[in-house]
Amino acid sequence: MIAPSPFERLANCLNGDFGGNPDWFELISVATDEFVATALYRSLIASNAAARAEPEAREYLAELERANTIRNHQLWELTRAAVAGINAAGITPTLIKGASEMSLLAKPSELSRLLIDIDLLVSPADIPAVQAALGLDGFEPIENSQYEHSPGSYWRPGAVATVDLHDSLPPSIAELLTEEDLETRMILQERDGIHFLIPDDSLRFLINIAHDMLHHTTLASGSTSLRYLLSLVEQIENPRSGVDWEWLHSKRQYWRFRLAFDLQIAMLEHLFALKVPLTEPPGRFVQFLHWRRQLKFRKPRLGQIEWMIVRNGLKTSQFIATRFKLRNASQSLGTD
């Protein structure tokens, strides 16, 4: 039997199984790298291992929890300020990713996730008005922060994070959704004097998987992100969650999402012993890719070398394909 890796030992602790005498330096180091240190603390407190944990480790994690709670409170106040200004311009933005999860809590400050920024989605036609509204509230655009589906990130003095403005979902997510999906799976919310839309449970589940595995290229690299998995765990274990598994399975018609979905479900079962309704067992290719992901966190150095080789191979393939297209285009022009 293969000994569990530090990554898997951390997952065991997140499940409440702290074993006999865990290596707290290792646990906290991996949890910090994975942005789940506050989740580790909450699991420790909820288990029967809190009394026998190393005092310094327990106190350090408790301080991280207090700091994250304060920061999340400030993040929600930042969200309120940004959304209030946008509402004043007659626009209802959509909160996505961590901001949407925060908005669902009675106390947004109690979100266990460590958020980097606040993500707001508005229609392309509303971008000029939203930018003007943010400017009136003291937000300034960050230089060179624009990218494919974002006109930029905004910050104001004293803010604990940026507001990342989007005029569309990333292509890797948008291609999975129909107009009907976007119309029926966005829920209007009102709280704390502001109104906004959030994705429903099923769409948040899809966005989580597609953003991590496809947008962040985790599918290609074979890596595993515990913070994204924990959000899926929370949704699955929440008795009030209304995940539409039939709708999610319908999105498996897109082969890249099918691989991403099946791999995340396999990892949820491996690390957290969670099962979800499946239409079919994982095929051999999914089993191979799942084994590859395990290899990555059991043999990190070997995994880094493997990804370097694969990434360089992909870049070479893309270069050859581009040159081939350009050559064909020039030949076509020459014959016209």
Protein backbone atom coordinates (compact mmCIF):
# COMPACT_ATOMS: atom_id res chain seq x y z
CA MET A 1 0.00 0.00 0.00
CA ILE A 2 1.34 3.43 -0.98
CA ALA A 3 1.89 5.76 1.99
CA PRO A 4 -0.29 8.88 1.82
CA SER A 5 1.38 12.07 0.64
CA PRO A 6 1.39 15.34 2.67
CA PHE A 7 -1.45 16.46 0.38
CA GLU A 8 -3.52 13.38 1.23
CA ARG A 9 -2.69 13.65 4.93
CA LEU A 10 -4.03 17.21 4.84
CA ALA A 11 -7.20 15.97 3.14
CA ASN A 12 -7.62 13.39 5.92
CA CYS A 13 -7.40 16.18 8.49
CA LEU A 14 -9.94 18.24 6.57
CA ASN A 15 -12.17 15.17 6.91
CA GLY A 16 -11.67 15.33 10.68
CA ASP A 17 -9.14 12.48 10.86
CA PHE A 18 -6.01 13.91 12.50
CA GLY A 19 -4.46 10.52 13.26
CA GLY A 20 -2.19 9.96 16.24
CA ASN A 21 0.54 12.59 16.02
CA PRO A 22 0.36 14.72 12.85
CA ASP A 23 3.30 16.77 11.62
CA TRP A 24 1.87 20.24 12.23
CA PHE A 25 4.59 22.07 10.34
CA GLU A 26 3.87 19.94 7.28
CA LEU A 27 0.10 20.30 7.63
CA ILE A 28 0.18 24.07 7.98
CA SER A 29 2.71 24.46 5.15
CA VAL A 30 0.58 22.46 2.69
CA ALA A 31 -2.65 24.08 3.89
CA THR A 32 -1.14 27.53 3.37
CA ASP A 33 0.00 26.61 -0.14
CA GLU A 34 -3.51 25.36 -0.88
CA PHE A 35 -5.31 28.40 0.65
CA VAL A 36 -7.20 26.12 3.10
CA ALA A 37 -5.54 26.94 6.44
CA THR A 38 -8.77 28.35 7.86
CA ALA A 39 -10.64 25.22 6.78
CA LEU A 40 -7.98 23.16 8.57
CA TYR A 41 -8.56 25.16 11.76
CA ARG A 42 -12.32 24.67 11.58
CA SER A 43 -11.89 20.95 11.03
CA LEU A 44 -9.53 20.79 14.03
CA ILE A 45 -11.98 22.58 16.32
CA ALA A 46 -14.85 20.38 15.17
CA SER A 47 -12.84 17.19 15.82
CA ASN A 48 -11.76 15.61 19.08
CA ALA A 49 -8.12 16.38 18.25
CA ALA A 50 -8.11 20.06 19.25
CA ALA A 51 -7.08 19.39 22.85
CA ARG A 52 -4.03 17.33 21.85
CA ALA A 53 -2.88 19.56 18.99
CA GLU A 54 0.40 21.41 19.45
CA PRO A 55 -0.51 24.68 21.24
CA GLU A 56 1.58 26.83 18.89
CA ALA A 57 -0.03 25.25 15.83
CA ARG A 58 -3.52 25.69 17.27
CA GLU A 59 -2.86 29.31 18.20
CA TYR A 60 -1.35 30.07 14.79
CA LEU A 61 -4.34 28.62 12.97
CA ALA A 62 -6.71 30.46 15.30
CA GLU A 63 -4.97 33.73 14.46
CA LEU A 64 -5.33 33.01 10.74
CA GLU A 65 -9.03 32.34 11.29
CA ARG A 66 -9.45 35.66 13.13
CA ALA A 67 -7.52 37.55 10.44
CA ASN A 68 -9.53 35.93 7.64
CA THR A 69 -12.81 36.75 9.38
CA ILE A 70 -11.80 40.41 9.66
CA ARG A 71 -10.65 40.50 6.05
CA ASN A 72 -13.83 38.81 4.80
CA HIS A 73 -15.89 41.42 6.63
CA GLN A 74 -13.89 44.11 4.86
CA LEU A 75 -14.28 42.28 1.55
CA TRP A 76 -18.04 42.21 1.93
CA GLU A 77 -18.08 45.92 2.77
CA LEU A 78 -16.01 46.50 -0.37
CA THR A 79 -18.50 44.43 -2.36
CA ARG A 80 -21.40 46.42 -0.92
CA ALA A 81 -19.74 49.71 -1.84
CA ALA A 82 -18.99 48.64 -5.41
CA VAL A 83 -22.41 47.10 -6.01
CA ALA A 84 -24.25 50.06 -4.42
CA GLY A 85 -22.54 52.44 -6.83
CA ILE A 86 -23.39 50.20 -9.77
CA ASN A 87 -27.01 49.89 -8.57
CA ALA A 88 -27.20 53.68 -8.43
CA ALA A 89 -26.41 53.67 -12.16
CA GLY A 90 -29.44 51.42 -12.71
CA ILE A 91 -27.43 48.24 -13.24
CA THR A 92 -27.65 44.88 -11.46
CA PRO A 93 -24.27 43.09 -11.53
CA THR A 94 -23.68 39.38 -11.08
CA LEU A 95 -21.42 38.15 -8.28
CA ILE A 96 -19.37 35.14 -9.35
CA LYS A 97 -16.92 32.71 -7.78
CA GLY A 98 -16.02 33.45 -4.12
CA ALA A 99 -18.13 36.61 -3.96
CA SER A 100 -21.27 34.62 -4.78
CA GLU A 101 -20.49 32.08 -2.04
CA MET A 102 -19.92 34.89 0.45
CA SER A 103 -23.25 36.50 -0.40
CA LEU A 104 -25.16 33.32 0.51
CA LEU A 105 -23.98 33.31 4.14
CA ALA A 106 -25.93 34.98 6.92
CA LYS A 107 -22.57 36.41 7.98
CA PRO A 108 -20.34 36.81 4.89
CA SER A 109 -17.32 37.20 7.18
CA GLU A 110 -17.67 33.51 8.13
CA LEU A 111 -16.68 32.26 4.68
CA SER A 112 -13.81 29.82 5.16
CA ARG A 113 -12.24 30.52 1.78
CA LEU A 114 -9.35 32.92 1.43
CA LEU A 115 -10.50 35.26 -1.34
CA ILE A 116 -8.04 37.12 -3.54
CA ASP A 117 -10.46 39.59 -5.13
CA ILE A 118 -14.12 40.33 -5.81
CA ASP A 119 -15.43 39.25 -9.22
CA LEU A 120 -18.33 41.17 -10.78
CA LEU A 121 -19.94 40.34 -14.11
CA VAL A 122 -21.92 42.88 -16.18
CA SER A 123 -22.98 43.02 -19.82
CA PRO A 124 -20.55 44.56 -22.32
CA ALA A 125 -23.06 47.34 -23.05
CA ASP A 126 -23.02 48.35 -19.36
CA ILE A 127 -19.23 48.54 -19.01
CA PRO A 128 -18.89 52.33 -19.61
CA ALA A 129 -21.61 53.12 -17.05
CA VAL A 130 -20.13 50.67 -14.53
CA GLN A 131 -16.65 52.13 -14.97
CA ALA A 132 -18.06 55.62 -14.41
CA ALA A 133 -19.92 54.44 -11.30
CA LEU A 134 -16.78 52.86 -9.86
CA GLY A 135 -14.86 56.05 -10.58
CA LEU A 136 -17.41 58.12 -8.67
CA ASP A 137 -16.84 55.83 -5.67
CA GLY A 138 -13.09 56.36 -5.76
CA PHE A 139 -12.11 53.17 -7.60
CA GLU A 140 -9.27 53.51 -10.07
CA PRO A 141 -8.32 51.07 -12.85
CA ILE A 142 -5.13 49.10 -12.33
CA GLU A 143 -2.73 49.59 -15.21
CA ASN A 144 -2.43 46.66 -17.65
CA SER A 145 -5.06 44.61 -15.80
CA GLN A 146 -7.25 44.13 -18.87
CA TYR A 147 -7.52 40.71 -20.47
CA GLU A 148 -9.75 38.73 -22.79
CA HIS A 149 -13.01 38.83 -20.83
CA SER A 150 -12.23 41.66 -18.42
CA PRO A 151 -11.93 45.42 -19.01
CA GLY A 152 -9.73 45.54 -15.93
CA SER A 153 -9.42 45.41 -12.16
CA TYR A 154 -10.25 48.35 -9.89
CA TRP A 155 -8.90 49.42 -6.53
CA ARG A 156 -9.33 52.31 -4.16
CA PRO A 157 -7.11 53.48 -1.30
CA GLY A 158 -7.66 51.48 1.87
CA ALA A 159 -9.32 48.53 0.10
CA VAL A 160 -8.16 45.05 1.10
CA ALA A 161 -8.58 43.69 -2.45
CA THR A 162 -9.39 44.62 -6.00
CA VAL A 163 -12.72 44.47 -7.81
CA ASP A 164 -12.22 42.36 -10.93
CA LEU A 165 -14.73 43.48 -13.56
CA HIS A 166 -15.88 41.01 -16.23
CA ASP A 167 -17.93 41.61 -19.38
CA SER A 168 -18.32 37.88 -20.01
CA LEU A 169 -17.47 34.55 -18.48
CA PRO A 170 -14.17 32.99 -19.62
CA PRO A 171 -14.57 31.21 -22.98
CA SER A 172 -13.92 27.83 -21.35
CA ILE A 173 -17.05 28.39 -19.25
CA ALA A 174 -19.18 30.43 -21.67
CA GLU A 175 -19.03 27.74 -24.36
CA LEU A 176 -20.83 25.34 -21.99
CA LEU A 177 -23.84 27.61 -21.47
CA THR A 178 -26.87 28.47 -23.57
CA GLU A 179 -28.86 31.68 -23.47
CA GLU A 180 -31.54 29.76 -21.58
CA ASP A 181 -28.98 28.68 -18.97
CA LEU A 182 -27.93 32.28 -18.39
CA GLU A 183 -31.54 33.44 -18.16
CA THR A 184 -32.85 30.71 -15.86
CA ARG A 185 -29.85 29.94 -13.66
CA MET A 186 -29.18 33.42 -12.33
CA ILE A 187 -30.95 34.29 -9.08
CA LEU A 188 -31.78 37.84 -7.98
CA GLN A 189 -30.65 38.55 -4.43
CA GLU A 190 -31.27 41.56 -2.19
CA ARG A 191 -29.46 42.15 1.07
CA ASP A 192 -27.66 44.88 2.97
CA GLY A 193 -29.21 47.56 0.79
CA ILE A 194 -27.95 46.23 -2.54
CA HIS A 195 -29.30 43.94 -5.25
CA PHE A 196 -27.35 41.58 -7.48
CA LEU A 197 -27.53 38.27 -9.31
CA ILE A 198 -25.73 35.06 -8.41
CA PRO A 199 -25.51 31.70 -10.23
CA ASP A 200 -27.77 29.00 -8.83
CA ASP A 201 -26.29 25.94 -7.11
CA SER A 202 -25.87 23.96 -10.32
CA LEU A 203 -24.24 26.78 -12.26
CA ARG A 204 -21.88 27.55 -9.36
CA PHE A 205 -20.88 23.86 -9.36
CA LEU A 206 -20.19 24.02 -13.10
CA ILE A 207 -18.28 27.31 -12.87
CA ASN A 208 -16.15 25.92 -10.04
CA ILE A 209 -15.08 22.89 -12.08
CA ALA A 210 -14.64 24.71 -15.40
CA HIS A 211 -12.75 27.63 -13.86
CA ASP A 212 -10.31 25.41 -11.99
CA MET A 213 -9.84 22.61 -14.50
CA LEU A 214 -10.21 24.43 -17.84
CA HIS A 215 -9.64 28.16 -17.36
CA HIS A 216 -6.68 27.55 -15.01
CA THR A 217 -5.44 24.64 -17.17
CA THR A 218 -5.49 22.24 -14.22
CA LEU A 219 -6.83 19.55 -16.54
CA ALA A 220 -3.77 19.84 -18.77
CA SER A 221 -1.22 20.13 -15.96
CA GLY A 222 -2.66 17.32 -13.85
CA SER A 223 -2.49 19.33 -10.63
CA THR A 224 -5.13 19.38 -7.88
CA SER A 225 -6.46 22.40 -6.00
CA LEU A 226 -7.95 21.67 -2.58
CA ARG A 227 -9.69 25.04 -2.26
CA TYR A 228 -11.83 24.35 -5.32
CA LEU A 229 -12.56 20.81 -4.16
CA LEU A 230 -13.63 22.03 -0.72
CA SER A 231 -16.20 24.34 -2.28
CA LEU A 232 -17.64 21.34 -4.13
CA VAL A 233 -17.65 19.33 -0.88
CA GLU A 234 -19.60 22.09 0.87
CA GLN A 235 -22.21 22.13 -1.89
CA ILE A 236 -22.61 18.35 -1.95
CA GLU A 237 -22.88 18.09 1.83
CA ASN A 238 -25.25 21.04 2.21
CA PRO A 239 -28.75 19.56 2.72
CA ARG A 240 -30.28 22.73 1.23
CA SER A 241 -28.20 22.50 -1.94
CA GLY A 242 -30.25 22.12 -5.09
CA VAL A 243 -27.66 20.83 -7.55
CA ASP A 244 -29.35 19.65 -10.76
CA TRP A 245 -27.25 16.59 -11.55
CA GLU A 246 -29.19 15.84 -14.73
CA TRP A 247 -28.37 19.31 -16.10
CA LEU A 248 -24.70 18.97 -15.13
CA HIS A 249 -24.49 15.58 -16.84
CA SER A 250 -25.97 17.13 -19.98
CA LYS A 251 -22.92 19.41 -20.14
CA ARG A 252 -20.68 16.36 -20.42
CA GLN A 253 -21.42 16.44 -24.14
CA TYR A 254 -18.45 18.85 -24.25
CA TRP A 255 -15.49 16.50 -24.10
CA ARG A 256 -13.18 18.82 -22.13
CA PHE A 257 -15.82 19.47 -19.48
CA ARG A 258 -16.62 15.75 -19.37
CA LEU A 259 -13.00 15.00 -18.50
CA ALA A 260 -12.87 17.87 -15.99
CA PHE A 261 -16.15 16.83 -14.32
CA ASP A 262 -15.28 13.12 -14.16
CA LEU A 263 -11.81 13.84 -12.76
CA GLN A 264 -13.09 16.14 -10.04
CA ILE A 265 -15.74 13.61 -9.05
CA ALA A 266 -13.07 10.89 -8.91
CA MET A 267 -10.86 13.11 -6.74
CA LEU A 268 -13.76 13.94 -4.42
CA GLU A 269 -14.27 10.23 -3.89
CA HIS A 270 -10.55 9.60 -3.38
CA LEU A 271 -9.86 12.42 -0.93
CA PHE A 272 -13.25 12.90 0.78
CA ALA A 273 -15.10 9.60 0.19
CA LEU A 274 -17.92 11.52 -1.50
CA LYS A 275 -20.05 9.99 -4.22
CA VAL A 276 -22.37 11.80 -6.59
CA PRO A 277 -24.91 10.40 -9.05
CA LEU A 278 -23.08 9.27 -12.19
CA THR A 279 -24.51 8.23 -15.52
CA GLU A 280 -21.57 5.94 -16.22
CA PRO A 281 -18.40 4.71 -14.46
CA PRO A 282 -15.14 6.48 -15.34
CA GLY A 283 -13.45 5.14 -18.46
CA ARG A 284 -9.85 3.99 -18.70
CA PHE A 285 -8.61 7.37 -19.91
CA VAL A 286 -10.19 9.11 -16.89
CA GLN A 287 -8.68 6.45 -14.61
CA PHE A 288 -5.26 7.10 -16.17
CA LEU A 289 -5.59 10.89 -15.74
CA HIS A 290 -6.75 10.38 -12.15
CA TRP A 291 -3.66 8.22 -11.49
CA ARG A 292 -1.55 10.99 -13.06
CA ARG A 293 -3.02 13.56 -10.64
CA GLN A 294 -2.22 11.30 -7.68
CA LEU A 295 1.32 10.90 -8.97
CA LYS A 296 1.66 14.71 -9.03
CA PHE A 297 1.02 15.16 -5.32
CA ARG A 298 2.78 11.95 -4.28
CA LYS A 299 5.91 12.68 -6.34
CA PRO A 300 5.90 16.50 -6.76
CA ARG A 301 9.35 16.75 -8.34
CA LEU A 302 8.57 14.04 -10.87
CA GLY A 303 5.27 15.76 -11.55
CA GLN A 304 7.00 19.08 -12.25
CA ILE A 305 9.38 17.43 -14.73
CA GLU A 306 6.48 15.66 -16.45
CA TRP A 307 4.49 18.89 -16.80
CA MET A 308 7.52 20.74 -18.16
CA ILE A 309 7.88 18.11 -20.88
CA VAL A 310 4.14 18.08 -21.64
CA ARG A 311 3.89 21.90 -21.67
CA ASN A 312 6.86 22.25 -24.01
CA GLY A 313 5.35 19.59 -26.25
CA LEU A 314 2.05 21.47 -26.36
CA LYS A 315 3.82 24.74 -27.19
CA THR A 316 5.74 23.03 -30.00
CA SER A 317 2.53 21.50 -31.37
CA GLN A 318 0.80 24.90 -31.30
CA PHE A 319 3.77 26.52 -33.04
CA ILE A 320 3.79 23.88 -35.80
CA ALA A 321 0.01 24.17 -36.24
CA THR A 322 0.25 27.97 -36.52
CA ARG A 323 3.07 27.75 -39.07
CA PHE A 324 1.08 25.19 -41.07
CA LYS A 325 -1.99 27.46 -41.14
CA LEU A 326 0.10 30.48 -42.18
CA ARG A 327 1.76 28.49 -44.96
CA ASN A 328 -1.58 27.27 -46.27
CA ALA A 329 -2.96 30.81 -46.12
CA SER A 330 0.00 32.24 -48.06
CA GLN A 331 -0.26 29.48 -50.67
CA SER A 332 -3.97 30.18 -51.02
CA LEU A 333 -3.31 33.90 -51.54
CA GLY A 334 -0.66 33.07 -54.09
CA THR A 335 -3.08 31.05 -56.19
CA ASP A 336 -5.89 33.63 -56.13
